Amino acid sequence: MIPTVTFIQIGTRVRAAGKWRALDTAASFKQQGAIRALGTAVIAAHPKLAAVLDAHGLTLDPVTGEVTELEQFNAVLSKRAAQVERNLARFAAEWENAHPGQEPGPVVRARLHAKAWDHQRPYIFKAWLPHWTADFYLALLLGIEILGCNAFFTAVSRQLFGMARAGQLPAARTLSKTRNGTPYAAILTVGVFTALPLLIAQQMSVLAGGATAGIYVAYVLLLLVLLIARLRGWPKRDAPFKLGGWGIPANLMALVLGAASLLTLVWPRDDTNPEVWGMRAAYWMVGIPIVLGAVVYLARGGERAVASESDLLQTSELESQAEAASNPHLS
């Protein structure tokens, strides 16, 4: 008997309405379970398959699609077999505890088996790498994550403190308070506001998409302001490095690409941008800061608070003194 294998390949770029368009592959991943189940059912119902297997002394399980006499060799062919068996034993025990005195039927067993395969798929590389290598890789990723979060948290806290020090924020006097050179008020404020998106969603893909969209809003606005300044003749001073005539085209290209990326991030997809309280999650995470900023700007009568040069010099001197006091080795 010659085994046959069917591969289904779905292109992520299709031509529709006269243009090449990208497909949302998240839905395709969801269909994989249904496709596998359909393939298993078709193979199990093949009229000649049962006869061929029976002629060779083999039996096909119509529920799982496995050849009963060959199941013991699955561990050799599948790197995840041991993990799947542990998952299956766990899920089966949970089902039996929830249904005392009952035996799982073929449908339940098939569902438990599929659930065991799907569980912990992100850790599939552990099956292909030595455990110490996989653990080292996870530890490395954790260190990078902690370092990146701390760097971002520090940058945002510093930005908030700097804007409050320049009088550009409400409650600027409170937000610009320091203790031993540490802007504790700004740090606590950033910590509280950072936790607010968890009220909107808990999925990492949704949080990452919304947060990245918020960053892109600031990036696109900055590029827009920069482009307007360039069209008005900026920069007027000569500098060692300059783009010359390429300044406006480069700025315009960056603005277009940034706006396209922002549009992709806020696009209404149920997987990465689901509806929360009647509106898409990214719209909440991007819209709330914009609305609050607009309210503050209008409340101030459109006034832009800009610190004077003497204030900035005085603040810089105070910061240097505070840093020297907190770190004697610098003095």
Protein backbone atom coordinates (compact mmCIF):
# COMPACT_ATOMS: atom_id res chain seq x y z
CA MET A 1 0.00 0.00 0.00
CA ILE A 2 1.43 3.37 -1.01
CA PRO A 3 0.60 6.09 1.55
CA THR A 4 -0.78 9.32 0.17
CA VAL A 5 -0.38 12.75 1.75
CA THR A 6 -2.50 15.74 0.86
CA PHE A 7 -1.09 19.24 1.26
CA ILE A 8 -3.29 22.31 1.26
CA GLN A 9 -1.49 25.55 0.48
CA ILE A 10 -3.30 28.88 0.70
CA GLY A 11 -1.58 31.86 -0.87
CA THR A 12 -1.50 34.96 1.30
CA ARG A 13 -1.66 37.24 -1.74
CA VAL A 14 -4.62 37.09 -4.09
CA ARG A 15 -5.70 39.18 -7.03
CA ALA A 16 -9.17 40.63 -6.54
CA ALA A 17 -10.92 43.62 -8.12
CA GLY A 18 -7.91 44.29 -10.31
CA LYS A 19 -5.38 44.51 -7.45
CA TRP A 20 -3.12 42.20 -5.47
CA ARG A 21 -4.44 42.03 -1.94
CA ALA A 22 -3.25 40.41 1.30
CA LEU A 23 -5.34 37.82 3.11
CA ASP A 24 -5.96 37.82 6.84
CA THR A 25 -4.31 34.49 7.70
CA ALA A 26 -5.67 34.36 11.25
CA ALA A 27 -8.92 32.89 9.93
CA SER A 28 -6.96 30.25 7.99
CA PHE A 29 -5.29 29.02 11.17
CA LYS A 30 -8.70 28.61 12.75
CA GLN A 31 -9.79 26.45 9.81
CA GLN A 32 -6.92 24.01 10.22
CA GLY A 33 -8.72 22.01 12.91
CA ALA A 34 -11.82 21.70 10.75
CA ILE A 35 -9.75 20.72 7.71
CA ARG A 36 -7.88 18.04 9.69
CA ALA A 37 -11.16 16.66 11.03
CA LEU A 38 -12.66 16.62 7.55
CA GLY A 39 -9.62 14.85 6.11
CA THR A 40 -9.69 12.27 8.89
CA ALA A 41 -13.38 11.61 8.29
CA VAL A 42 -12.89 11.23 4.53
CA ILE A 43 -9.98 8.83 4.96
CA ALA A 44 -11.82 6.77 7.60
CA ALA A 45 -14.86 6.46 5.32
CA HIS A 46 -12.88 5.35 2.28
CA PRO A 47 -14.57 2.14 1.02
CA LYS A 48 -11.32 0.34 0.14
CA LEU A 49 -9.20 1.50 3.08
CA ALA A 50 -10.85 -0.74 5.67
CA ALA A 51 -10.48 -3.76 3.40
CA VAL A 52 -6.80 -3.08 2.71
CA LEU A 53 -6.03 -2.55 6.40
CA ASP A 54 -7.97 -5.68 7.33
CA ALA A 55 -6.02 -7.70 4.76
CA HIS A 56 -2.83 -6.65 6.54
CA GLY A 57 -4.22 -7.29 10.01
CA LEU A 58 -4.66 -3.60 10.85
CA THR A 59 -7.64 -1.72 12.29
CA LEU A 60 -8.61 1.90 11.71
CA ASP A 61 -10.12 3.84 14.60
CA PRO A 62 -13.00 5.77 12.96
CA VAL A 63 -12.94 8.48 15.66
CA THR A 64 -9.26 9.41 15.82
CA GLY A 65 -8.32 8.24 12.32
CA GLU A 66 -5.37 6.34 13.80
CA VAL A 67 -4.36 2.82 12.87
CA THR A 68 -4.73 1.10 16.23
CA GLU A 69 -1.79 -1.30 15.81
CA LEU A 70 0.53 1.55 14.76
CA GLU A 71 -0.30 4.07 17.49
CA GLN A 72 2.63 2.84 19.57
CA PHE A 73 5.00 4.21 16.90
CA ASN A 74 3.59 7.75 17.08
CA ALA A 75 6.24 8.75 19.59
CA VAL A 76 8.95 7.92 17.09
CA LEU A 77 7.36 9.98 14.31
CA SER A 78 6.08 12.89 16.39
CA LYS A 79 8.30 15.04 18.58
CA ARG A 80 5.24 16.23 20.51
CA ALA A 81 3.83 12.80 21.26
CA ALA A 82 4.90 12.78 24.92
CA GLN A 83 3.57 16.28 25.44
CA VAL A 84 0.26 15.42 23.77
CA GLU A 85 -0.12 12.30 25.94
CA ARG A 86 0.41 14.37 29.10
CA ASN A 87 -2.11 16.94 27.91
CA LEU A 88 -4.62 14.23 27.00
CA ALA A 89 -4.28 12.56 30.41
CA ARG A 90 -4.80 15.91 32.12
CA PHE A 91 -7.85 16.87 30.07
CA ALA A 92 -9.36 13.41 30.41
CA ALA A 93 -8.95 13.57 34.21
CA GLU A 94 -10.56 17.01 34.29
CA TRP A 95 -13.49 15.73 32.20
CA GLU A 96 -13.98 12.69 34.46
CA ASN A 97 -13.94 14.91 37.56
CA ALA A 98 -16.57 17.16 35.98
CA HIS A 99 -18.69 14.14 34.89
CA PRO A 100 -18.43 11.55 37.68
CA GLY A 101 -19.63 8.08 36.79
CA GLN A 102 -19.63 8.77 33.04
CA GLU A 103 -17.44 7.48 30.26
CA PRO A 104 -16.38 9.83 27.42
CA GLY A 105 -17.96 8.90 24.11
CA PRO A 106 -16.24 9.01 20.72
CA VAL A 107 -17.12 12.66 20.11
CA VAL A 108 -15.77 13.72 23.52
CA ARG A 109 -12.61 11.67 23.04
CA ALA A 110 -12.03 13.26 19.65
CA ARG A 111 -12.44 16.72 21.13
CA LEU A 112 -10.09 15.95 24.01
CA HIS A 113 -7.54 14.59 21.57
CA ALA A 114 -7.71 17.72 19.40
CA LYS A 115 -7.46 19.92 22.49
CA ALA A 116 -4.38 18.00 23.65
CA TRP A 117 -2.69 18.67 20.31
CA ASP A 118 -3.55 22.36 20.29
CA HIS A 119 -2.50 23.00 23.90
CA GLN A 120 0.94 24.58 24.46
CA ARG A 121 1.76 24.84 20.77
CA PRO A 122 3.95 27.97 21.36
CA TYR A 123 6.42 25.70 23.16
CA ILE A 124 6.79 23.32 20.24
CA PHE A 125 10.46 24.31 19.84
CA LYS A 126 11.14 22.49 23.12
CA ALA A 127 10.45 19.27 21.28
CA TRP A 128 13.11 20.05 18.68
CA LEU A 129 15.81 21.55 20.89
CA PRO A 130 17.59 20.16 23.94
CA HIS A 131 15.76 21.25 27.08
CA TRP A 132 18.66 23.33 28.37
CA THR A 133 18.80 25.19 25.02
CA ALA A 134 15.06 25.86 25.08
CA ASP A 135 15.21 27.03 28.71
CA PHE A 136 18.15 29.31 27.93
CA TYR A 137 16.24 30.75 24.97
CA LEU A 138 13.19 31.42 27.14
CA ALA A 139 15.36 33.04 29.82
CA LEU A 140 17.00 35.19 27.15
CA LEU A 141 13.60 36.29 25.83
CA LEU A 142 12.47 37.08 29.37
CA GLY A 143 15.57 39.21 29.97
CA ILE A 144 15.04 41.09 26.70
CA GLU A 145 11.39 41.65 27.60
CA ILE A 146 12.25 43.03 31.04
CA LEU A 147 15.00 45.24 29.62
CA GLY A 148 12.73 46.57 26.87
CA CYS A 149 9.87 47.27 29.27
CA ASN A 150 12.16 49.08 31.72
CA ALA A 151 13.70 51.19 28.94
CA PHE A 152 10.29 52.12 27.57
CA PHE A 153 8.88 52.82 31.05
CA THR A 154 11.86 55.03 31.88
CA ALA A 155 11.57 56.94 28.61
CA VAL A 156 7.85 57.62 29.05
CA SER A 157 8.29 58.66 32.68
CA ARG A 158 11.09 60.99 31.67
CA GLN A 159 8.97 62.48 28.89
CA LEU A 160 6.06 63.06 31.26
CA PHE A 161 8.35 64.67 33.82
CA GLY A 162 9.98 66.90 31.20
CA MET A 163 6.62 68.11 29.87
CA ALA A 164 5.35 68.77 33.38
CA ARG A 165 8.54 70.63 34.25
CA ALA A 166 7.96 72.85 31.22
CA GLY A 167 4.39 73.53 32.34
CA GLN A 168 2.77 71.75 29.38
CA LEU A 169 0.56 69.38 31.40
CA PRO A 170 -2.25 69.68 33.93
CA ALA A 171 -1.09 69.30 37.53
CA ALA A 172 2.41 70.13 36.29
CA ARG A 173 3.61 71.07 39.76
CA THR A 174 2.65 67.65 41.13
CA LEU A 175 3.95 65.64 38.15
CA SER A 176 7.32 67.43 38.24
CA LYS A 177 8.02 66.56 41.89
CA THR A 178 11.20 64.61 42.57
CA ARG A 179 12.79 62.86 45.51
CA ASN A 180 16.54 62.34 45.53
CA GLY A 181 16.56 63.19 41.85
CA THR A 182 13.85 60.58 41.01
CA PRO A 183 10.62 61.87 39.39
CA TYR A 184 8.44 59.61 41.52
CA ALA A 185 5.16 61.36 40.68
CA ALA A 186 5.68 60.86 36.94
CA ILE A 187 6.71 57.24 37.47
CA LEU A 188 3.62 56.42 39.55
CA THR A 189 1.38 58.16 37.01
CA VAL A 190 2.84 56.16 34.13
CA GLY A 191 2.44 52.95 36.13
CA VAL A 192 -1.27 53.62 36.71
CA PHE A 193 -1.97 54.62 33.11
CA THR A 194 -0.04 51.60 31.82
CA ALA A 195 -2.46 49.27 33.63
CA LEU A 196 -5.59 50.91 32.22
CA PRO A 197 -5.52 49.06 28.84
CA LEU A 198 -5.97 45.81 30.78
CA LEU A 199 -9.53 46.97 31.43
CA ILE A 200 -10.10 46.94 27.67
CA ALA A 201 -8.49 43.62 26.74
CA GLN A 202 -6.18 40.92 28.10
CA GLN A 203 -5.04 39.30 24.86
CA MET A 204 -1.41 40.10 24.12
CA SER A 205 -2.07 40.56 20.40
CA VAL A 206 -4.80 43.13 21.11
CA LEU A 207 -2.72 45.02 23.68
CA ALA A 208 0.38 45.03 21.49
CA GLY A 209 -1.58 46.21 18.45
CA GLY A 210 -3.34 49.00 20.33
CA ALA A 211 -0.16 50.18 22.07
CA THR A 212 1.80 50.15 18.82
CA ALA A 213 -1.00 52.10 17.13
CA GLY A 214 -0.72 54.73 19.86
CA ILE A 215 3.00 55.04 19.21
CA TYR A 216 2.38 55.36 15.48
CA VAL A 217 -0.11 58.18 16.05
CA ALA A 218 2.62 60.24 17.70
CA TYR A 219 5.11 59.20 15.01
CA VAL A 220 2.77 60.17 12.15
CA LEU A 221 1.87 63.50 13.75
CA LEU A 222 5.56 64.30 14.22
CA LEU A 223 6.27 63.47 10.58
CA LEU A 224 3.35 65.66 9.52
CA VAL A 225 4.60 68.62 11.55
CA LEU A 226 8.10 68.07 10.22
CA LEU A 227 6.83 68.00 6.64
CA ILE A 228 4.91 71.26 7.14
CA ALA A 229 8.05 72.85 8.59
CA ARG A 230 10.11 71.69 5.62
CA LEU A 231 7.57 73.13 3.19
CA ARG A 232 7.92 76.45 5.03
CA GLY A 233 11.67 76.49 4.55
CA TRP A 234 13.02 74.61 7.56
CA PRO A 235 15.86 74.10 8.34
CA LYS A 236 17.23 77.58 7.83
CA ARG A 237 20.61 76.92 9.46
CA ASP A 238 23.38 74.95 7.83
CA ALA A 239 24.35 71.66 9.50
CA PRO A 240 27.16 69.11 9.03
CA PHE A 241 24.64 66.52 7.87
CA LYS A 242 21.71 67.47 5.67
CA LEU A 243 19.45 65.79 3.16
CA GLY A 244 19.28 68.78 0.86
CA GLY A 245 16.72 68.28 -1.89
CA TRP A 246 15.94 64.78 -0.61
CA GLY A 247 14.55 66.07 2.68
CA ILE A 248 10.95 66.57 1.53
CA PRO A 249 10.71 63.30 -0.51
CA ALA A 250 12.18 61.27 2.37
CA ASN A 251 9.87 62.97 4.85
CA LEU A 252 6.85 62.40 2.61
CA MET A 253 7.70 58.72 2.09
CA ALA A 254 8.11 58.19 5.84
CA LEU A 255 4.75 59.88 6.45
CA VAL A 256 2.95 57.71 3.88
CA LEU A 257 4.49 54.47 5.17
CA GLY A 258 3.82 55.44 8.79
CA ALA A 259 0.19 56.29 8.01
CA ALA A 260 -0.22 52.97 6.16
CA SER A 261 1.19 51.07 9.15
CA LEU A 262 -1.15 52.95 11.47
CA LEU A 263 -4.10 52.09 9.24
CA THR A 264 -3.13 48.41 9.37
CA LEU A 265 -2.89 48.49 13.17
CA VAL A 266 -6.34 50.04 13.65
CA TRP A 267 -8.06 48.02 10.92
CA PRO A 268 -11.22 46.36 12.31
CA ARG A 269 -10.05 42.73 12.66
CA ASP A 270 -11.74 40.52 15.22
CA ASP A 271 -8.48 38.73 16.08
CA THR A 272 -6.20 41.71 16.77
CA ASN A 273 -8.72 44.54 17.13
CA PRO A 274 -11.98 43.12 18.52
CA GLU A 275 -14.98 45.10 19.67
CA VAL A 276 -15.00 46.13 23.34
CA TRP A 277 -17.95 48.02 24.79
CA GLY A 278 -19.30 48.75 21.33
CA MET A 279 -16.04 50.03 19.81
CA ARG A 280 -12.80 48.49 18.56
CA ALA A 281 -10.10 48.02 21.21
CA ALA A 282 -7.45 50.01 19.33
CA TYR A 283 -9.86 52.92 19.01
CA TRP A 284 -10.17 53.05 22.78
CA MET A 285 -6.42 52.88 23.38
CA VAL A 286 -5.64 55.46 20.70
CA GLY A 287 -8.71 57.65 21.10
CA ILE A 288 -8.69 58.21 24.87
CA PRO A 289 -5.24 59.92 24.96
CA ILE A 290 -6.16 62.03 21.90
CA VAL A 291 -9.47 63.12 23.44
CA LEU A 292 -7.84 63.92 26.78
CA GLY A 293 -5.12 65.92 25.02
CA ALA A 294 -7.72 67.84 23.01
CA VAL A 295 -9.70 68.61 26.17
CA VAL A 296 -6.61 69.93 27.95
CA TYR A 297 -5.61 71.98 24.90
CA LEU A 298 -9.07 73.54 24.59
CA ALA A 299 -9.30 74.13 28.34
CA ARG A 300 -6.10 76.16 28.11
CA GLY A 301 -7.62 78.21 25.31
CA GLY A 302 -5.24 76.77 22.71
CA GLU A 303 -2.25 78.15 24.60
CA ARG A 304 1.01 76.30 24.17
CA ALA A 305 3.11 76.50 27.31
CA VAL A 306 6.77 76.75 26.41
CA ALA A 307 9.48 77.02 29.03
CA SER A 308 11.86 79.91 28.69
CA GLU A 309 15.53 79.35 28.03
CA SER A 310 16.45 80.59 31.52
CA ASP A 311 14.01 78.10 33.09
CA LEU A 312 15.50 75.24 31.11
CA LEU A 313 19.04 76.22 32.09
CA GLN A 314 18.04 76.50 35.74
CA THR A 315 16.30 73.12 35.66
CA SER A 316 19.29 71.52 33.96
CA GLU A 317 21.56 72.87 36.67
CA LEU A 318 19.27 71.54 39.40
CA GLU A 319 19.21 68.13 37.72
CA SER A 320 23.00 68.04 37.57
CA GLN A 321 23.19 68.87 41.26
CA ALA A 322 20.65 66.18 42.13
CA GLU A 323 22.50 63.59 40.04
CA ALA A 324 25.81 64.51 41.66
CA ALA A 325 24.24 64.20 45.10
CA SER A 326 22.80 60.76 44.33
CA ASN A 327 26.04 59.52 42.74
CA PRO A 328 29.15 60.84 44.57
CA HIS A 329 31.45 59.16 42.02
CA LEU A 330 30.42 61.74 39.41
CA SER A 331 31.56 64.71 41.51
